[in-house]
Amino acid sequence: MQSTIITPIDILIIEDNEGDARLIKEVLSDGKVANLLHNVKDGVQAIEFLRKRGAYANASMPDLIILDLNLPKKDGREVLSEIKTDPELKKIPVVI
């Protein structure tokens, strides 16, 4: 019997609403997809995470980003613009 190695999908959830973030995590868990979930609550934290700054210096680069457009500090549209104009980050799929 051959064993299959499942590589988890690294997902960054950018969502300021605790209830919405919890719902997203539950849906992903119910889907039985191996994943590593990270959650940040505003646009500034999102950019810090993606650029591996400060508290996120050891953060892994996500395979997928789930982005709320209505965020405090830095709007989700600004975050999306920064992601899509950065040569390294623009490769990451973003779900809004």
N, C-alpha and C. Protein backbone atom coordinates (compact mmCIF):
# COMPACT_ATOMS: atom_id res chain seq x y z
N MET A 1 0.85 -1.17 0.00
CA MET A 1 0.00 0.00 0.00
C MET A 1 0.90 1.25 0.00
N GLN A 2 0.64 2.14 -0.89
CA GLN A 2 1.41 3.36 -1.02
C GLN A 2 0.80 4.45 -0.14
N SER A 3 1.64 5.12 0.63
CA SER A 3 1.12 6.20 1.47
C SER A 3 1.14 7.52 0.70
N THR A 4 0.15 8.31 0.96
CA THR A 4 0.04 9.61 0.31
C THR A 4 0.40 10.69 1.31
N ILE A 5 1.30 11.56 0.93
CA ILE A 5 1.67 12.67 1.78
C ILE A 5 0.81 13.86 1.39
N ILE A 6 0.08 14.37 2.36
CA ILE A 6 -0.79 15.52 2.11
C ILE A 6 -0.10 16.77 2.64
N THR A 7 0.16 17.69 1.75
CA THR A 7 0.76 18.95 2.16
C THR A 7 -0.36 19.93 2.48
N PRO A 8 -0.37 20.44 3.70
CA PRO A 8 -1.45 21.38 4.06
C PRO A 8 -1.38 22.67 3.26
N ILE A 9 -2.54 23.24 3.02
CA ILE A 9 -2.64 24.54 2.35
C ILE A 9 -2.54 25.61 3.43
N ASP A 10 -1.66 26.55 3.23
CA ASP A 10 -1.45 27.64 4.18
C ASP A 10 -2.37 28.79 3.78
N ILE A 11 -3.33 29.13 4.66
CA ILE A 11 -4.35 30.13 4.33
C ILE A 11 -4.29 31.30 5.31
N LEU A 12 -4.24 32.50 4.76
CA LEU A 12 -4.31 33.72 5.56
C LEU A 12 -5.71 34.29 5.45
N ILE A 13 -6.38 34.41 6.60
CA ILE A 13 -7.71 35.01 6.67
C ILE A 13 -7.54 36.44 7.18
N ILE A 14 -7.95 37.41 6.38
CA ILE A 14 -7.87 38.82 6.77
C ILE A 14 -9.30 39.26 7.04
N GLU A 15 -9.69 39.22 8.29
CA GLU A 15 -11.08 39.45 8.68
C GLU A 15 -11.13 40.03 10.09
N ASP A 16 -11.77 41.18 10.24
CA ASP A 16 -11.85 41.83 11.54
C ASP A 16 -13.02 41.36 12.39
N ASN A 17 -14.02 40.74 11.78
CA ASN A 17 -15.19 40.29 12.51
C ASN A 17 -14.94 38.87 13.04
N GLU A 18 -14.93 38.72 14.37
CA GLU A 18 -14.64 37.43 15.00
C GLU A 18 -15.59 36.34 14.53
N GLY A 19 -16.88 36.66 14.44
CA GLY A 19 -17.88 35.68 14.01
C GLY A 19 -17.65 35.20 12.59
N ASP A 20 -17.36 36.14 11.69
CA ASP A 20 -17.10 35.77 10.30
C ASP A 20 -15.84 34.93 10.19
N ALA A 21 -14.80 35.30 10.93
CA ALA A 21 -13.54 34.54 10.91
C ALA A 21 -13.79 33.11 11.41
N ARG A 22 -14.56 32.99 12.48
CA ARG A 22 -14.88 31.67 13.03
C ARG A 22 -15.66 30.84 12.01
N LEU A 23 -16.62 31.45 11.33
CA LEU A 23 -17.41 30.75 10.32
C LEU A 23 -16.52 30.25 9.18
N ILE A 24 -15.62 31.08 8.71
CA ILE A 24 -14.69 30.69 7.64
C ILE A 24 -13.86 29.49 8.10
N LYS A 25 -13.36 29.55 9.33
CA LYS A 25 -12.55 28.44 9.85
C LYS A 25 -13.36 27.16 9.95
N GLU A 26 -14.62 27.26 10.38
CA GLU A 26 -15.48 26.08 10.48
C GLU A 26 -15.75 25.47 9.11
N VAL A 27 -16.02 26.31 8.12
CA VAL A 27 -16.28 25.81 6.77
C VAL A 27 -15.05 25.10 6.22
N LEU A 28 -13.89 25.68 6.43
CA LEU A 28 -12.66 25.05 5.95
C LEU A 28 -12.40 23.73 6.68
N SER A 29 -12.71 23.69 7.96
CA SER A 29 -12.54 22.47 8.73
C SER A 29 -13.51 21.39 8.26
N ASP A 30 -14.76 21.77 8.01
CA ASP A 30 -15.76 20.82 7.54
C ASP A 30 -15.42 20.25 6.16
N GLY A 31 -14.68 21.01 5.38
CA GLY A 31 -14.29 20.58 4.04
C GLY A 31 -13.23 19.50 4.06
N LYS A 32 -12.70 19.19 5.23
CA LYS A 32 -11.70 18.15 5.41
C LYS A 32 -10.47 18.33 4.52
N VAL A 33 -10.11 19.57 4.29
CA VAL A 33 -8.90 19.89 3.55
C VAL A 33 -7.83 20.21 4.59
N ALA A 34 -6.67 19.58 4.43
CA ALA A 34 -5.58 19.86 5.36
C ALA A 34 -5.13 21.30 5.15
N ASN A 35 -5.23 22.11 6.18
CA ASN A 35 -4.80 23.50 6.04
C ASN A 35 -4.24 24.05 7.34
N LEU A 36 -3.42 25.07 7.17
CA LEU A 36 -2.89 25.85 8.28
C LEU A 36 -3.54 27.21 8.17
N LEU A 37 -4.23 27.63 9.21
CA LEU A 37 -4.95 28.90 9.16
C LEU A 37 -4.26 29.96 10.00
N HIS A 38 -4.17 31.14 9.43
CA HIS A 38 -3.65 32.32 10.12
C HIS A 38 -4.74 33.39 9.99
N ASN A 39 -4.93 34.17 11.04
CA ASN A 39 -5.97 35.21 11.00
C ASN A 39 -5.39 36.52 11.49
N VAL A 40 -5.54 37.55 10.68
CA VAL A 40 -5.19 38.91 11.10
C VAL A 40 -6.46 39.75 11.00
N LYS A 41 -6.51 40.84 11.78
CA LYS A 41 -7.77 41.56 11.94
C LYS A 41 -7.85 42.91 11.25
N ASP A 42 -6.77 43.35 10.61
CA ASP A 42 -6.85 44.62 9.90
C ASP A 42 -5.83 44.64 8.76
N GLY A 43 -5.95 45.65 7.91
CA GLY A 43 -5.09 45.75 6.74
C GLY A 43 -3.62 45.96 7.06
N VAL A 44 -3.34 46.67 8.14
CA VAL A 44 -1.94 46.90 8.53
C VAL A 44 -1.30 45.58 8.95
N GLN A 45 -2.01 44.80 9.77
CA GLN A 45 -1.50 43.49 10.18
C GLN A 45 -1.31 42.58 8.97
N ALA A 46 -2.23 42.66 8.01
CA ALA A 46 -2.14 41.83 6.82
C ALA A 46 -0.84 42.09 6.06
N ILE A 47 -0.53 43.35 5.84
CA ILE A 47 0.70 43.69 5.12
C ILE A 47 1.92 43.31 5.93
N GLU A 48 1.88 43.51 7.24
CA GLU A 48 3.00 43.10 8.10
C GLU A 48 3.21 41.59 8.01
N PHE A 49 2.12 40.82 8.02
CA PHE A 49 2.20 39.37 7.89
C PHE A 49 2.83 38.99 6.55
N LEU A 50 2.32 39.56 5.48
CA LEU A 50 2.80 39.20 4.14
C LEU A 50 4.24 39.64 3.89
N ARG A 51 4.66 40.69 4.53
CA ARG A 51 6.04 41.18 4.36
C ARG A 51 6.97 40.67 5.47
N LYS A 52 6.41 39.84 6.37
CA LYS A 52 7.16 39.21 7.46
C LYS A 52 7.86 40.25 8.34
N ARG A 53 7.08 41.21 8.80
CA ARG A 53 7.60 42.28 9.65
C ARG A 53 7.12 42.12 11.08
N GLY A 54 7.90 42.63 12.02
CA GLY A 54 7.51 42.67 13.43
C GLY A 54 7.14 41.30 13.98
N ALA A 55 5.97 41.21 14.57
CA ALA A 55 5.50 39.97 15.19
C ALA A 55 5.34 38.84 14.17
N TYR A 56 5.34 39.16 12.90
CA TYR A 56 5.13 38.17 11.85
C TYR A 56 6.42 37.82 11.11
N ALA A 57 7.57 38.10 11.72
CA ALA A 57 8.87 37.86 11.08
C ALA A 57 9.05 36.41 10.65
N ASN A 58 8.45 35.48 11.36
CA ASN A 58 8.59 34.06 11.04
C ASN A 58 7.37 33.48 10.34
N ALA A 59 6.50 34.33 9.87
CA ALA A 59 5.27 33.87 9.20
C ALA A 59 5.60 33.16 7.90
N SER A 60 4.81 32.16 7.59
CA SER A 60 4.98 31.47 6.31
C SER A 60 4.17 32.20 5.23
N MET A 61 4.62 32.10 4.01
CA MET A 61 3.90 32.72 2.91
C MET A 61 2.65 31.90 2.62
N PRO A 62 1.48 32.52 2.63
CA PRO A 62 0.25 31.75 2.41
C PRO A 62 0.10 31.28 0.96
N ASP A 63 -0.63 30.18 0.80
CA ASP A 63 -0.97 29.66 -0.52
C ASP A 63 -2.25 30.30 -1.03
N LEU A 64 -3.04 30.86 -0.09
CA LEU A 64 -4.33 31.45 -0.41
C LEU A 64 -4.63 32.54 0.61
N ILE A 65 -5.25 33.62 0.15
CA ILE A 65 -5.67 34.71 1.04
C ILE A 65 -7.18 34.86 0.93
N ILE A 66 -7.84 34.90 2.08
CA ILE A 66 -9.27 35.22 2.13
C ILE A 66 -9.36 36.62 2.71
N LEU A 67 -9.86 37.57 1.93
CA LEU A 67 -9.79 38.99 2.26
C LEU A 67 -11.16 39.64 2.40
N ASP A 68 -11.36 40.28 3.54
CA ASP A 68 -12.54 41.13 3.76
C ASP A 68 -12.18 42.52 3.21
N LEU A 69 -13.05 43.13 2.45
CA LEU A 69 -12.74 44.44 1.89
C LEU A 69 -12.94 45.58 2.89
N ASN A 70 -13.80 45.38 3.88
CA ASN A 70 -14.08 46.42 4.86
C ASN A 70 -13.29 46.16 6.14
N LEU A 71 -12.08 46.70 6.16
CA LEU A 71 -11.17 46.49 7.28
C LEU A 71 -10.81 47.81 7.95
N PRO A 72 -10.49 47.75 9.25
CA PRO A 72 -9.99 48.96 9.92
C PRO A 72 -8.52 49.20 9.57
N LYS A 73 -8.08 50.40 9.82
CA LYS A 73 -6.69 50.87 9.65
C LYS A 73 -6.26 50.97 8.19
N LYS A 74 -6.39 49.90 7.43
CA LYS A 74 -6.08 49.92 6.00
C LYS A 74 -7.15 49.09 5.32
N ASP A 75 -7.89 49.73 4.44
CA ASP A 75 -9.02 49.10 3.75
C ASP A 75 -8.56 47.88 2.94
N GLY A 76 -9.44 46.91 2.80
CA GLY A 76 -9.14 45.71 2.03
C GLY A 76 -8.78 45.98 0.59
N ARG A 77 -9.34 47.04 0.02
CA ARG A 77 -9.01 47.40 -1.37
C ARG A 77 -7.55 47.85 -1.47
N GLU A 78 -7.08 48.58 -0.46
CA GLU A 78 -5.68 48.99 -0.43
C GLU A 78 -4.76 47.78 -0.27
N VAL A 79 -5.17 46.85 0.59
CA VAL A 79 -4.39 45.63 0.78
C VAL A 79 -4.31 44.86 -0.53
N LEU A 80 -5.46 44.70 -1.20
CA LEU A 80 -5.49 43.99 -2.48
C LEU A 80 -4.59 44.66 -3.51
N SER A 81 -4.62 45.98 -3.56
CA SER A 81 -3.77 46.72 -4.49
C SER A 81 -2.30 46.47 -4.21
N GLU A 82 -1.92 46.47 -2.93
CA GLU A 82 -0.51 46.21 -2.57
C GLU A 82 -0.11 44.79 -2.95
N ILE A 83 -1.00 43.84 -2.72
CA ILE A 83 -0.72 42.44 -3.05
C ILE A 83 -0.51 42.30 -4.56
N LYS A 84 -1.40 42.87 -5.34
CA LYS A 84 -1.37 42.67 -6.78
C LYS A 84 -0.31 43.49 -7.51
N THR A 85 0.32 44.45 -6.83
CA THR A 85 1.41 45.20 -7.46
C THR A 85 2.79 44.73 -6.98
N ASP A 86 2.82 43.77 -6.07
CA ASP A 86 4.09 43.22 -5.57
C ASP A 86 4.43 41.96 -6.36
N PRO A 87 5.61 41.89 -6.95
CA PRO A 87 5.97 40.73 -7.79
C PRO A 87 5.89 39.38 -7.07
N GLU A 88 6.21 39.33 -5.80
CA GLU A 88 6.15 38.07 -5.04
C GLU A 88 4.73 37.76 -4.58
N LEU A 89 4.01 38.76 -4.09
CA LEU A 89 2.69 38.54 -3.51
C LEU A 89 1.61 38.33 -4.55
N LYS A 90 1.77 38.91 -5.74
CA LYS A 90 0.69 38.83 -6.73
C LYS A 90 0.42 37.41 -7.23
N LYS A 91 1.31 36.49 -6.91
CA LYS A 91 1.13 35.09 -7.30
C LYS A 91 0.12 34.36 -6.41
N ILE A 92 -0.17 34.95 -5.25
CA ILE A 92 -1.06 34.31 -4.27
C ILE A 92 -2.51 34.59 -4.67
N PRO A 93 -3.32 33.53 -4.82
CA PRO A 93 -4.74 33.75 -5.12
C PRO A 93 -5.44 34.44 -3.94
N VAL A 94 -6.33 35.38 -4.25
CA VAL A 94 -7.08 36.11 -3.23
C VAL A 94 -8.57 35.89 -3.47
N VAL A 95 -9.25 35.45 -2.41
CA VAL A 95 -10.70 35.29 -2.45
C VAL A 95 -11.30 36.41 -1.62
N ILE A 96 -12.24 37.14 -2.19
CA ILE A 96 -12.85 38.28 -1.49
C ILE A 96 -14.23 37.89 -1.03
